[in-house]
Amino acid sequence: MSDSPLQIRLFIKSYCGWCHEAIDWLKSRQIHFEPLEVISDPCAMKELRELTGRTMTPSIEVNGEVLADFDVDELEQWWRAKGFDKLV
Protein backbone atom coordinates (compact mmCIF):
# COMPACT_ATOMS: atom_id res chain seq x y z
CA MET A 1 0.00 0.00 0.00
CA SER A 2 1.33 3.42 -0.95
CA ASP A 3 1.78 6.27 1.53
CA SER A 4 0.85 8.74 -1.22
CA PRO A 5 -2.30 10.82 -0.69
CA LEU A 6 -2.99 10.35 -4.40
CA GLN A 7 -5.02 7.50 -5.82
CA ILE A 8 -4.06 7.38 -9.49
CA ARG A 9 -5.52 5.24 -12.23
CA LEU A 10 -4.23 5.49 -15.78
CA PHE A 11 -6.45 4.11 -18.55
CA ILE A 12 -4.27 2.92 -21.43
CA LYS A 13 -4.10 0.88 -24.62
CA SER A 14 -0.92 -1.16 -25.00
CA TYR A 15 -0.30 0.06 -28.57
CA CYS A 16 -0.87 3.76 -27.76
CA GLY A 17 2.27 5.88 -28.01
CA TRP A 18 0.79 8.70 -25.91
CA CYS A 19 -0.02 6.12 -23.23
CA HIS A 20 3.62 5.03 -23.10
CA GLU A 21 4.68 8.68 -22.80
CA ALA A 22 2.26 9.18 -19.90
CA ILE A 23 3.58 6.04 -18.19
CA ASP A 24 7.15 7.27 -18.64
CA TRP A 25 6.21 10.72 -17.28
CA LEU A 26 4.69 9.21 -14.13
CA LYS A 27 7.49 6.69 -13.61
CA SER A 28 10.22 9.30 -14.11
CA ARG A 29 8.71 11.23 -11.21
CA GLN A 30 8.35 8.06 -9.12
CA ILE A 31 4.57 8.52 -9.04
CA HIS A 32 2.75 5.29 -8.27
CA PHE A 33 -0.31 4.54 -10.36
CA GLU A 34 -2.60 1.70 -11.35
CA PRO A 35 -2.53 1.04 -15.11
CA LEU A 36 -5.83 -0.15 -16.58
CA GLU A 37 -5.52 -1.69 -20.06
CA VAL A 38 -8.89 -1.04 -21.65
CA ILE A 39 -8.54 -3.34 -24.67
CA SER A 40 -7.92 -6.49 -22.65
CA ASP A 41 -10.18 -5.50 -19.73
CA PRO A 42 -13.82 -4.83 -20.71
CA CYS A 43 -14.62 -3.58 -17.19
CA ALA A 44 -11.87 -0.96 -17.48
CA MET A 45 -13.25 0.12 -20.88
CA LYS A 46 -16.74 0.45 -19.41
CA GLU A 47 -15.41 2.53 -16.53
CA LEU A 48 -13.41 4.72 -18.95
CA ARG A 49 -16.59 5.41 -20.92
CA GLU A 50 -18.49 6.23 -17.72
CA LEU A 51 -15.77 8.60 -16.48
CA THR A 52 -14.99 10.41 -19.72
CA GLY A 53 -17.82 9.70 -22.15
CA ARG A 54 -15.14 8.45 -24.56
CA THR A 55 -12.85 5.54 -25.31
CA MET A 56 -9.75 7.65 -25.97
CA THR A 57 -6.52 7.02 -24.11
CA PRO A 58 -4.54 7.93 -22.21
CA SER A 59 -7.01 9.08 -19.60
CA ILE A 60 -6.12 9.55 -15.96
CA GLU A 61 -8.11 9.75 -12.76
CA VAL A 62 -6.44 11.25 -9.70
CA ASN A 63 -8.52 11.39 -6.52
CA GLY A 64 -11.69 11.71 -8.59
CA GLU A 65 -10.33 14.36 -10.98
CA VAL A 66 -10.24 13.21 -14.62
CA LEU A 67 -8.15 14.25 -17.62
CA ALA A 68 -9.07 12.48 -20.84
CA ASP A 69 -7.18 12.02 -24.09
CA PHE A 70 -4.05 14.04 -23.34
CA ASP A 71 -0.38 14.37 -24.21
CA VAL A 72 2.35 14.80 -21.58
CA ASP A 73 2.41 18.59 -21.93
CA GLU A 74 -1.30 18.71 -21.11
CA LEU A 75 -0.76 16.22 -18.28
CA GLU A 76 1.97 18.33 -16.75
CA GLN A 77 -0.11 21.53 -16.92
CA TRP A 78 -3.17 19.78 -15.48
CA TRP A 79 -1.08 18.12 -12.75
CA ARG A 80 0.27 21.48 -11.58
CA ALA A 81 -3.06 23.29 -11.93
CA LYS A 82 -4.68 20.70 -9.65
CA GLY A 83 -1.84 21.00 -7.13
CA PHE A 84 -0.87 17.33 -7.35
CA ASP A 85 2.80 18.27 -7.72
CA LYS A 86 2.72 19.43 -4.08
CA LEU A 87 1.37 16.07 -2.89
CA VAL A 88 4.02 13.69 -4.27
PDB file of N, CA and C in Angstrom:
ATOM      1  N   MET A   1       0.841  -1.179   0.000  1.00  0.00           N
ATOM      2  CA  MET A   1       0.000   0.000   0.000  1.00  0.00           C
ATOM      3  C   MET A   1       0.890   1.248   0.000  1.00  0.00           C
ATOM      4  N   SER A   2       0.534   2.208  -0.803  1.00  0.00           N
ATOM      5  CA  SER A   2       1.325   3.422  -0.946  1.00  0.00           C
ATOM      6  C   SER A   2       0.993   4.419   0.163  1.00  0.00           C
ATOM      7  N   ASP A   3       1.991   5.211   0.562  1.00  0.00           N
ATOM      8  CA  ASP A   3       1.783   6.274   1.533  1.00  0.00           C
ATOM      9  C   ASP A   3       1.306   7.563   0.850  1.00  0.00           C
ATOM     10  N   SER A   4       1.234   7.556  -0.459  1.00  0.00           N
ATOM     11  CA  SER A   4       0.849   8.736  -1.217  1.00  0.00           C
ATOM     12  C   SER A   4      -0.610   9.089  -0.953  1.00  0.00           C
ATOM     13  N   PRO A   5      -0.912  10.398  -0.827  1.00  0.00           N
ATOM     14  CA  PRO A   5      -2.302  10.816  -0.685  1.00  0.00           C
ATOM     15  C   PRO A   5      -3.063  10.763  -2.007  1.00  0.00           C
ATOM     16  N   LEU A   6      -2.366  10.392  -3.075  1.00  0.00           N
ATOM     17  CA  LEU A   6      -2.986  10.352  -4.396  1.00  0.00           C
ATOM     18  C   LEU A   6      -3.355   8.925  -4.784  1.00  0.00           C
ATOM     19  N   GLN A   7      -4.577   8.763  -5.240  1.00  0.00           N
ATOM     20  CA  GLN A   7      -5.023   7.502  -5.824  1.00  0.00           C
ATOM     21  C   GLN A   7      -5.098   7.740  -7.331  1.00  0.00           C
ATOM     22  N   ILE A   8      -4.217   7.088  -8.066  1.00  0.00           N
ATOM     23  CA  ILE A   8      -4.056   7.383  -9.492  1.00  0.00           C
ATOM     24  C   ILE A   8      -4.341   6.142 -10.313  1.00  0.00           C
ATOM     25  N   ARG A   9      -5.235   6.310 -11.276  1.00  0.00           N
ATOM     26  CA  ARG A   9      -5.521   5.238 -12.230  1.00  0.00           C
ATOM     27  C   ARG A   9      -5.330   5.792 -13.633  1.00  0.00           C
ATOM     28  N   LEU A  10      -4.546   5.065 -14.422  1.00  0.00           N
ATOM     29  CA  LEU A  10      -4.231   5.489 -15.783  1.00  0.00           C
ATOM     30  C   LEU A  10      -4.846   4.488 -16.751  1.00  0.00           C
ATOM     31  N   PHE A  11      -5.788   4.944 -17.549  1.00  0.00           N
ATOM     32  CA  PHE A  11      -6.446   4.112 -18.548  1.00  0.00           C
ATOM     33  C   PHE A  11      -5.615   4.166 -19.825  1.00  0.00           C
ATOM     34  N   ILE A  12      -5.203   2.994 -20.301  1.00  0.00           N
ATOM     35  CA  ILE A  12      -4.266   2.921 -21.432  1.00  0.00           C
ATOM     36  C   ILE A  12      -4.695   1.860 -22.440  1.00  0.00           C
ATOM     37  N   LYS A  13      -4.075   1.937 -23.605  1.00  0.00           N
ATOM     38  CA  LYS A  13      -4.102   0.881 -24.622  1.00  0.00           C
ATOM     39  C   LYS A  13      -2.643   0.542 -24.894  1.00  0.00           C
ATOM     40  N   SER A  14      -2.324  -0.735 -24.922  1.00  0.00           N
ATOM     41  CA  SER A  14      -0.918  -1.159 -25.002  1.00  0.00           C
ATOM     42  C   SER A  14      -0.196  -0.633 -26.242  1.00  0.00           C
ATOM     43  N   TYR A  15      -0.921  -0.390 -27.316  1.00  0.00           N
ATOM     44  CA  TYR A  15      -0.300   0.059 -28.567  1.00  0.00           C
ATOM     45  C   TYR A  15      -0.274   1.584 -28.704  1.00  0.00           C
ATOM     46  N   CYS A  16      -0.725   2.302 -27.696  1.00  0.00           N
ATOM     47  CA  CYS A  16      -0.874   3.760 -27.756  1.00  0.00           C
ATOM     48  C   CYS A  16       0.432   4.454 -27.361  1.00  0.00           C
ATOM     49  N   GLY A  17       1.028   5.176 -28.286  1.00  0.00           N
ATOM     50  CA  GLY A  17       2.271   5.880 -28.015  1.00  0.00           C
ATOM     51  C   GLY A  17       2.129   6.939 -26.929  1.00  0.00           C
ATOM     52  N   TRP A  18       1.013   7.683 -26.943  1.00  0.00           N
ATOM     53  CA  TRP A  18       0.794   8.700 -25.915  1.00  0.00           C
ATOM     54  C   TRP A  18       0.655   8.055 -24.536  1.00  0.00           C
ATOM     55  N   CYS A  19       0.095   6.851 -24.496  1.00  0.00           N
ATOM     56  CA  CYS A  19      -0.025   6.123 -23.225  1.00  0.00           C
ATOM     57  C   CYS A  19       1.360   5.801 -22.674  1.00  0.00           C
ATOM     58  N   HIS A  20       2.258   5.345 -23.536  1.00  0.00           N
ATOM     59  CA  HIS A  20       3.620   5.029 -23.100  1.00  0.00           C
ATOM     60  C   HIS A  20       4.337   6.283 -22.615  1.00  0.00           C
ATOM     61  N   GLU A  21       4.087   7.421 -23.258  1.00  0.00           N
ATOM     62  CA  GLU A  21       4.684   8.678 -22.804  1.00  0.00           C
ATOM     63  C   GLU A  21       4.143   9.069 -21.426  1.00  0.00           C
ATOM     64  N   ALA A  22       2.852   8.870 -21.201  1.00  0.00           N
ATOM     65  CA  ALA A  22       2.255   9.184 -19.897  1.00  0.00           C
ATOM     66  C   ALA A  22       2.831   8.269 -18.815  1.00  0.00           C
ATOM     67  N   ILE A  23       2.975   6.995 -19.131  1.00  0.00           N
ATOM     68  CA  ILE A  23       3.577   6.044 -18.192  1.00  0.00           C
ATOM     69  C   ILE A  23       4.998   6.477 -17.848  1.00  0.00           C
ATOM     70  N   ASP A  24       5.770   6.819 -18.868  1.00  0.00           N
ATOM     71  CA  ASP A  24       7.147   7.268 -18.640  1.00  0.00           C
ATOM     72  C   ASP A  24       7.186   8.537 -17.791  1.00  0.00           C
ATOM     73  N   TRP A  25       6.265   9.467 -18.040  1.00  0.00           N
ATOM     74  CA  TRP A  25       6.211  10.718 -17.278  1.00  0.00           C
ATOM     75  C   TRP A  25       5.967  10.418 -15.800  1.00  0.00           C
ATOM     76  N   LEU A  26       4.999   9.566 -15.512  1.00  0.00           N
ATOM     77  CA  LEU A  26       4.688   9.209 -14.127  1.00  0.00           C
ATOM     78  C   LEU A  26       5.852   8.464 -13.475  1.00  0.00           C
ATOM     79  N   LYS A  27       6.398   7.482 -14.170  1.00  0.00           N
ATOM     80  CA  LYS A  27       7.494   6.691 -13.606  1.00  0.00           C
ATOM     81  C   LYS A  27       8.739   7.540 -13.371  1.00  0.00           C
ATOM     82  N   SER A  28       9.028   8.470 -14.266  1.00  0.00           N
ATOM     83  CA  SER A  28      10.224   9.303 -14.115  1.00  0.00           C
ATOM     84  C   SER A  28      10.136  10.202 -12.886  1.00  0.00           C
ATOM     85  N   ARG A  29       8.931  10.424 -12.412  1.00  0.00           N
ATOM     86  CA  ARG A  29       8.705  11.230 -11.212  1.00  0.00           C
ATOM     87  C   ARG A  29       8.416  10.354  -9.990  1.00  0.00           C
ATOM     88  N   GLN A  30       8.590   9.055 -10.175  1.00  0.00           N
ATOM     89  CA  GLN A  30       8.348   8.063  -9.119  1.00  0.00           C
ATOM     90  C   GLN A  30       6.939   8.193  -8.538  1.00  0.00           C
ATOM     91  N   ILE A  31       5.978   8.410  -9.427  1.00  0.00           N
ATOM     92  CA  ILE A  31       4.572   8.523  -9.041  1.00  0.00           C
ATOM     93  C   ILE A  31       3.927   7.159  -9.255  1.00  0.00           C
ATOM     94  N   HIS A  32       3.380   6.607  -8.193  1.00  0.00           N
ATOM     95  CA  HIS A  32       2.752   5.291  -8.267  1.00  0.00           C
ATOM     96  C   HIS A  32       1.347   5.419  -8.833  1.00  0.00           C
ATOM     97  N   PHE A  33       0.999   4.501  -9.714  1.00  0.00           N
ATOM     98  CA  PHE A  33      -0.307   4.537 -10.363  1.00  0.00           C
ATOM     99  C   PHE A  33      -0.746   3.120 -10.698  1.00  0.00           C
ATOM    100  N   GLU A  34      -2.038   2.983 -10.923  1.00  0.00           N
ATOM    101  CA  GLU A  34      -2.603   1.704 -11.354  1.00  0.00           C
ATOM    102  C   GLU A  34      -2.909   1.802 -12.846  1.00  0.00           C
ATOM    103  N   PRO A  35      -2.214   1.026 -13.682  1.00  0.00           N
ATOM    104  CA  PRO A  35      -2.532   1.039 -15.110  1.00  0.00           C
ATOM    105  C   PRO A  35      -3.745   0.138 -15.381  1.00  0.00           C
ATOM    106  N   LEU A  36      -4.650   0.623 -16.193  1.00  0.00           N
ATOM    107  CA  LEU A  36      -5.829  -0.148 -16.584  1.00  0.00           C
ATOM    108  C   LEU A  36      -5.848  -0.252 -18.105  1.00  0.00           C
ATOM    109  N   GLU A  37      -5.588  -1.441 -18.617  1.00  0.00           N
ATOM    110  CA  GLU A  37      -5.517  -1.686 -20.057  1.00  0.00           C
ATOM    111  C   GLU A  37      -6.930  -1.951 -20.564  1.00  0.00           C
ATOM    112  N   VAL A  38      -7.477  -0.998 -21.292  1.00  0.00           N
ATOM    113  CA  VAL A  38      -8.894  -1.040 -21.646  1.00  0.00           C
ATOM    114  C   VAL A  38      -9.236  -1.995 -22.787  1.00  0.00           C
ATOM    115  N   ILE A  39      -8.267  -2.403 -23.581  1.00  0.00           N
ATOM    116  CA  ILE A  39      -8.540  -3.341 -24.670  1.00  0.00           C
ATOM    117  C   ILE A  39      -8.717  -4.754 -24.116  1.00  0.00           C
ATOM    118  N   SER A  40      -7.856  -5.145 -23.195  1.00  0.00           N
ATOM    119  CA  SER A  40      -7.922  -6.495 -22.645  1.00  0.00           C
ATOM    120  C   SER A  40      -8.864  -6.612 -21.447  1.00  0.00           C
ATOM    121  N   ASP A  41      -9.314  -5.488 -20.917  1.00  0.00           N
ATOM    122  CA  ASP A  41     -10.179  -5.496 -19.733  1.00  0.00           C
ATOM    123  C   ASP A  41     -11.478  -4.739 -20.030  1.00  0.00           C
ATOM    124  N   PRO A  42     -12.545  -5.476 -20.382  1.00  0.00           N
ATOM    125  CA  PRO A  42     -13.820  -4.827 -20.714  1.00  0.00           C
ATOM    126  C   PRO A  42     -14.393  -3.981 -19.572  1.00  0.00           C
ATOM    127  N   CYS A  43     -14.139  -4.373 -18.338  1.00  0.00           N
ATOM    128  CA  CYS A  43     -14.619  -3.580 -17.195  1.00  0.00           C
ATOM    129  C   CYS A  43     -13.928  -2.227 -17.148  1.00  0.00           C
ATOM    130  N   ALA A  44     -12.626  -2.216 -17.450  1.00  0.00           N
ATOM    131  CA  ALA A  44     -11.874  -0.958 -17.478  1.00  0.00           C
ATOM    132  C   ALA A  44     -12.387  -0.067 -18.608  1.00  0.00           C
ATOM    133  N   MET A  45     -12.706  -0.656 -19.759  1.00  0.00           N
ATOM    134  CA  MET A  45     -13.247   0.121 -20.880  1.00  0.00           C
ATOM    135  C   MET A  45     -14.597   0.727 -20.502  1.00  0.00           C
ATOM    136  N   LYS A  46     -15.431  -0.049 -19.837  1.00  0.00           N
ATOM    137  CA  LYS A  46     -16.736   0.453 -19.408  1.00  0.00           C
ATOM    138  C   LYS A  46     -16.559   1.622 -18.441  1.00  0.00           C
ATOM    139  N   GLU A  47     -15.650   1.473 -17.502  1.00  0.00           N
ATOM    140  CA  GLU A  47     -15.409   2.533 -16.535  1.00  0.00           C
ATOM    141  C   GLU A  47     -14.847   3.784 -17.208  1.00  0.00           C
ATOM    142  N   LEU A  48     -13.951   3.595 -18.188  1.00  0.00           N
ATOM    143  CA  LEU A  48     -13.412   4.723 -18.945  1.00  0.00           C
ATOM    144  C   LEU A  48     -14.545   5.491 -19.622  1.00  0.00           C
ATOM    145  N   ARG A  49     -15.449   4.768 -20.253  1.00  0.00           N
ATOM    146  CA  ARG A  49     -16.594   5.413 -20.921  1.00  0.00           C
ATOM    147  C   ARG A  49     -17.457   6.171 -19.916  1.00  0.00           C
ATOM    148  N   GLU A  50     -17.670   5.579 -18.747  1.00  0.00           N
ATOM    149  CA  GLU A  50     -18.494   6.228 -17.725  1.00  0.00           C
ATOM    150  C   GLU A  50     -17.817   7.494 -17.201  1.00  0.00           C
ATOM    151  N   LEU A  51     -16.503   7.452 -17.020  1.00  0.00           N
ATOM    152  CA  LEU A  51     -15.770   8.603 -16.484  1.00  0.00           C
ATOM    153  C   LEU A  51     -15.628   9.742 -17.479  1.00  0.00           C
ATOM    154  N   THR A  52     -15.366   9.391 -18.743  1.00  0.00           N
ATOM    155  CA  THR A  52     -14.994  10.411 -19.723  1.00  0.00           C
ATOM    156  C   THR A  52     -16.013  10.608 -20.845  1.00  0.00           C
ATOM    157  N   GLY A  53     -16.902   9.640 -21.019  1.00  0.00           N
ATOM    158  CA  GLY A  53     -17.817   9.700 -22.152  1.00  0.00           C
ATOM    159  C   GLY A  53     -17.146   9.322 -23.463  1.00  0.00           C
ATOM    160  N   ARG A  54     -15.919   8.804 -23.369  1.00  0.00           N
ATOM    161  CA  ARG A  54     -15.136   8.451 -24.558  1.00  0.00           C
ATOM    162  C   ARG A  54     -14.406   7.125 -24.338  1.00  0.00           C
ATOM    163  N   THR A  55     -13.706   6.722 -25.401  1.00  0.00           N
ATOM    164  CA  THR A  55     -12.853   5.537 -25.314  1.00  0.00           C
ATOM    165  C   THR A  55     -11.397   5.898 -25.605  1.00  0.00           C
ATOM    166  N   MET A  56     -11.095   7.182 -25.619  1.00  0.00           N
ATOM    167  CA  MET A  56      -9.751   7.648 -25.974  1.00  0.00           C
ATOM    168  C   MET A  56      -8.798   7.498 -24.790  1.00  0.00           C
ATOM    169  N   THR A  57      -7.564   7.143 -25.114  1.00  0.00           N
ATOM    170  CA  THR A  57      -6.516   7.022 -24.112  1.00  0.00           C
ATOM    171  C   THR A  57      -5.307   7.825 -24.586  1.00  0.00           C
ATOM    172  N   PRO A  58      -4.445   8.195 -23.638  1.00  0.00           N
ATOM    173  CA  PRO A  58      -4.538   7.933 -22.214  1.00  0.00           C
ATOM    174  C   PRO A  58      -5.587   8.827 -21.558  1.00  0.00           C
ATOM    175  N   SER A  59      -6.136   8.315 -20.483  1.00  0.00           N
ATOM    176  CA  SER A  59      -7.008   9.081 -19.601  1.00  0.00           C
ATOM    177  C   SER A  59      -6.575   8.743 -18.184  1.00  0.00           C
ATOM    178  N   ILE A  60      -6.613   9.739 -17.325  1.00  0.00           N
ATOM    179  CA  ILE A  60      -6.124   9.549 -15.963  1.00  0.00           C
ATOM    180  C   ILE A  60      -7.165  10.055 -14.975  1.00  0.00           C
ATOM    181  N   GLU A  61      -7.279   9.318 -13.880  1.00  0.00           N
ATOM    182  CA  GLU A  61      -8.113   9.751 -12.763  1.00  0.00           C
ATOM    183  C   GLU A  61      -7.216   9.851 -11.531  1.00  0.00           C
ATOM    184  N   VAL A  62      -7.230  11.013 -10.909  1.00  0.00           N
ATOM    185  CA  VAL A  62      -6.443  11.248  -9.700  1.00  0.00           C
ATOM    186  C   VAL A  62      -7.403  11.791  -8.636  1.00  0.00           C
ATOM    187  N   ASN A  63      -7.625  10.982  -7.615  1.00  0.00           N
ATOM    188  CA  ASN A  63      -8.520  11.393  -6.517  1.00  0.00           C
ATOM    189  C   ASN A  63      -9.842  11.948  -7.027  1.00  0.00           C
ATOM    190  N   GLY A  64     -10.393  11.303  -8.057  1.00  0.00           N
ATOM    191  CA  GLY A  64     -11.691  11.708  -8.590  1.00  0.00           C
ATOM    192  C   GLY A  64     -11.650  12.765  -9.675  1.00  0.00           C
ATOM    193  N   GLU A  65     -10.499  13.373  -9.897  1.00  0.00           N
ATOM    194  CA  GLU A  65     -10.328  14.356 -10.976  1.00  0.00           C
ATOM    195  C   GLU A  65      -9.905  13.609 -12.236  1.00  0.00           C
ATOM    196  N   VAL A  66     -10.489  13.963 -13.391  1.00  0.00           N
ATOM    197  CA  VAL A  66     -10.242  13.214 -14.620  1.00  0.00           C
ATOM    198  C   VAL A  66      -9.699  14.128 -15.713  1.00  0.00           C
ATOM    199  N   LEU A  67      -8.677  13.623 -16.400  1.00  0.00           N
ATOM    200  CA  LEU A  67      -8.146  14.249 -17.617  1.00  0.00           C
ATOM    201  C   LEU A  67      -8.188  13.183 -18.691  1.00  0.00           C
ATOM    202  N   ALA A  68      -8.894  13.470 -19.778  1.00  0.00           N
ATOM    203  CA  ALA A  68      -9.070  12.485 -20.841  1.00  0.00           C
ATOM    204  C   ALA A  68      -8.319  12.882 -22.099  1.00  0.00           C
ATOM    205  N   ASP A  69      -7.772  11.858 -22.762  1.00  0.00           N
ATOM    206  CA  ASP A  69      -7.185  12.024 -24.092  1.00  0.00           C
ATOM    207  C   ASP A  69      -6.191  13.181 -24.122  1.00  0.00           C
ATOM    208  N   PHE A  70      -5.029  12.966 -23.511  1.00  0.00           N
ATOM    209  CA  PHE A  70      -4.053  14.037 -23.343  1.00  0.00           C
ATOM    210  C   PHE A  70      -2.678  13.622 -23.847  1.00  0.00           C
ATOM    211  N   ASP A  71      -1.803  14.634 -23.992  1.00  0.00           N
ATOM    212  CA  ASP A  71      -0.384  14.370 -24.207  1.00  0.00           C
ATOM    213  C   ASP A  71       0.347  14.794 -22.927  1.00  0.00           C
ATOM    214  N   VAL A  72       1.638  14.533 -22.841  1.00  0.00           N
ATOM    215  CA  VAL A  72       2.345  14.802 -21.582  1.00  0.00           C
ATOM    216  C   VAL A  72       2.417  16.286 -21.242  1.00  0.00           C
ATOM    217  N   ASP A  73       2.429  17.158 -22.228  1.00  0.00           N
ATOM    218  CA  ASP A  73       2.412  18.591 -21.930  1.00  0.00           C
ATOM    219  C   ASP A  73       1.108  18.970 -21.229  1.00  0.00           C
ATOM    220  N   GLU A  74      -0.009  18.453 -21.745  1.00  0.00           N
ATOM    221  CA  GLU A  74      -1.304  18.709 -21.110  1.00  0.00           C
ATOM    222  C   GLU A  74      -1.361  18.080 -19.720  1.00  0.00           C
ATOM    223  N   LEU A  75      -0.792  16.883 -19.576  1.00  0.00           N
ATOM    224  CA  LEU A  75      -0.763  16.218 -18.283  1.00  0.00           C
ATOM    225  C   LEU A  75       0.007  17.058 -17.268  1.00  0.00           C
ATOM    226  N   GLU A  76       1.160  17.543 -17.665  1.00  0.00           N
ATOM    227  CA  GLU A  76       1.975  18.329 -16.746  1.00  0.00           C
ATOM    228  C   GLU A  76       1.254  19.608 -16.326  1.00  0.00           C
ATOM    229  N   GLN A  77       0.634  20.301 -17.250  1.00  0.00           N
ATOM    230  CA  GLN A  77      -0.109  21.529 -16.923  1.00  0.00           C
ATOM    231  C   GLN A  77      -1.272  21.227 -15.985  1.00  0.00           C
ATOM    232  N   TRP A  78      -2.025  20.184 -16.294  1.00  0.00           N
ATOM    233  CA  TRP A  78      -3.173  19.783 -15.480  1.00  0.00           C
ATOM    234  C   TRP A  78      -2.712  19.383 -14.089  1.00  0.00           C
ATOM    235  N   TRP A  79      -1.627  18.599 -14.020  1.00  0.00           N
ATOM    236  CA  TRP A  79      -1.075  18.117 -12.748  1.00  0.00           C
ATOM    237  C   TRP A  79      -0.755  19.288 -11.822  1.00  0.00           C
ATOM    238  N   ARG A  80      -0.091  20.299 -12.382  1.00  0.00           N
ATOM    239  CA  ARG A  80       0.275  21.476 -11.584  1.00  0.00           C
ATOM    240  C   ARG A  80      -0.952  22.307 -11.225  1.00  0.00           C
ATOM    241  N   ALA A  81      -1.857  22.493 -12.180  1.00  0.00           N
ATOM    242  CA  ALA A  81      -3.062  23.289 -11.931  1.00  0.00           C
ATOM    243  C   ALA A  81      -3.907  22.695 -10.807  1.00  0.00           C
ATOM    244  N   LYS A  82      -3.919  21.382 -10.702  1.00  0.00           N
ATOM    245  CA  LYS A  82      -4.684  20.699  -9.653  1.00  0.00           C
ATOM    246  C   LYS A  82      -3.918  20.640  -8.333  1.00  0.00           C
ATOM    247  N   GLY A  83      -2.642  21.014  -8.338  1.00  0.00           N
ATOM    248  CA  GLY A  83      -1.839  21.005  -7.125  1.00  0.00           C
ATOM    249  C   GLY A  83      -1.289  19.634  -6.746  1.00  0.00           C
ATOM    250  N   PHE A  84      -1.368  18.677  -7.654  1.00  0.00           N
ATOM    251  CA  PHE A  84      -0.871  17.325  -7.349  1.00  0.00           C
ATOM    252  C   PHE A  84       0.636  17.308  -7.172  1.00  0.00           C
ATOM    253  N   ASP A  85       1.331  18.233  -7.821  1.00  0.00           N
ATOM    254  CA  ASP A  85       2.799  18.275  -7.715  1.00  0.00           C
ATOM    255  C   ASP A  85       3.236  18.543  -6.277  1.00  0.00           C
ATOM    256  N   LYS A  86       2.385  19.139  -5.480  1.00  0.00           N
ATOM    257  CA  LYS A  86       2.722  19.426  -4.082  1.00  0.00           C
ATOM    258  C   LYS A  86       2.458  18.227  -3.172  1.00  0.00           C
ATOM    259  N   LEU A  87       1.781  17.204  -3.702  1.00  0.00           N
ATOM    260  CA  LEU A  87       1.373  16.066  -2.893  1.00  0.00           C
ATOM    261  C   LEU A  87       2.244  14.821  -3.083  1.00  0.00           C
ATOM    262  N   VAL A  88       3.165  14.867  -4.025  1.00  0.00           N
ATOM    263  CA  VAL A  88       4.019  13.686  -4.271  1.00  0.00           C
ATOM    264  C   VAL A  88       5.434  13.938  -3.819  1.00  0.00           C
TER     265      VAL A  88
END
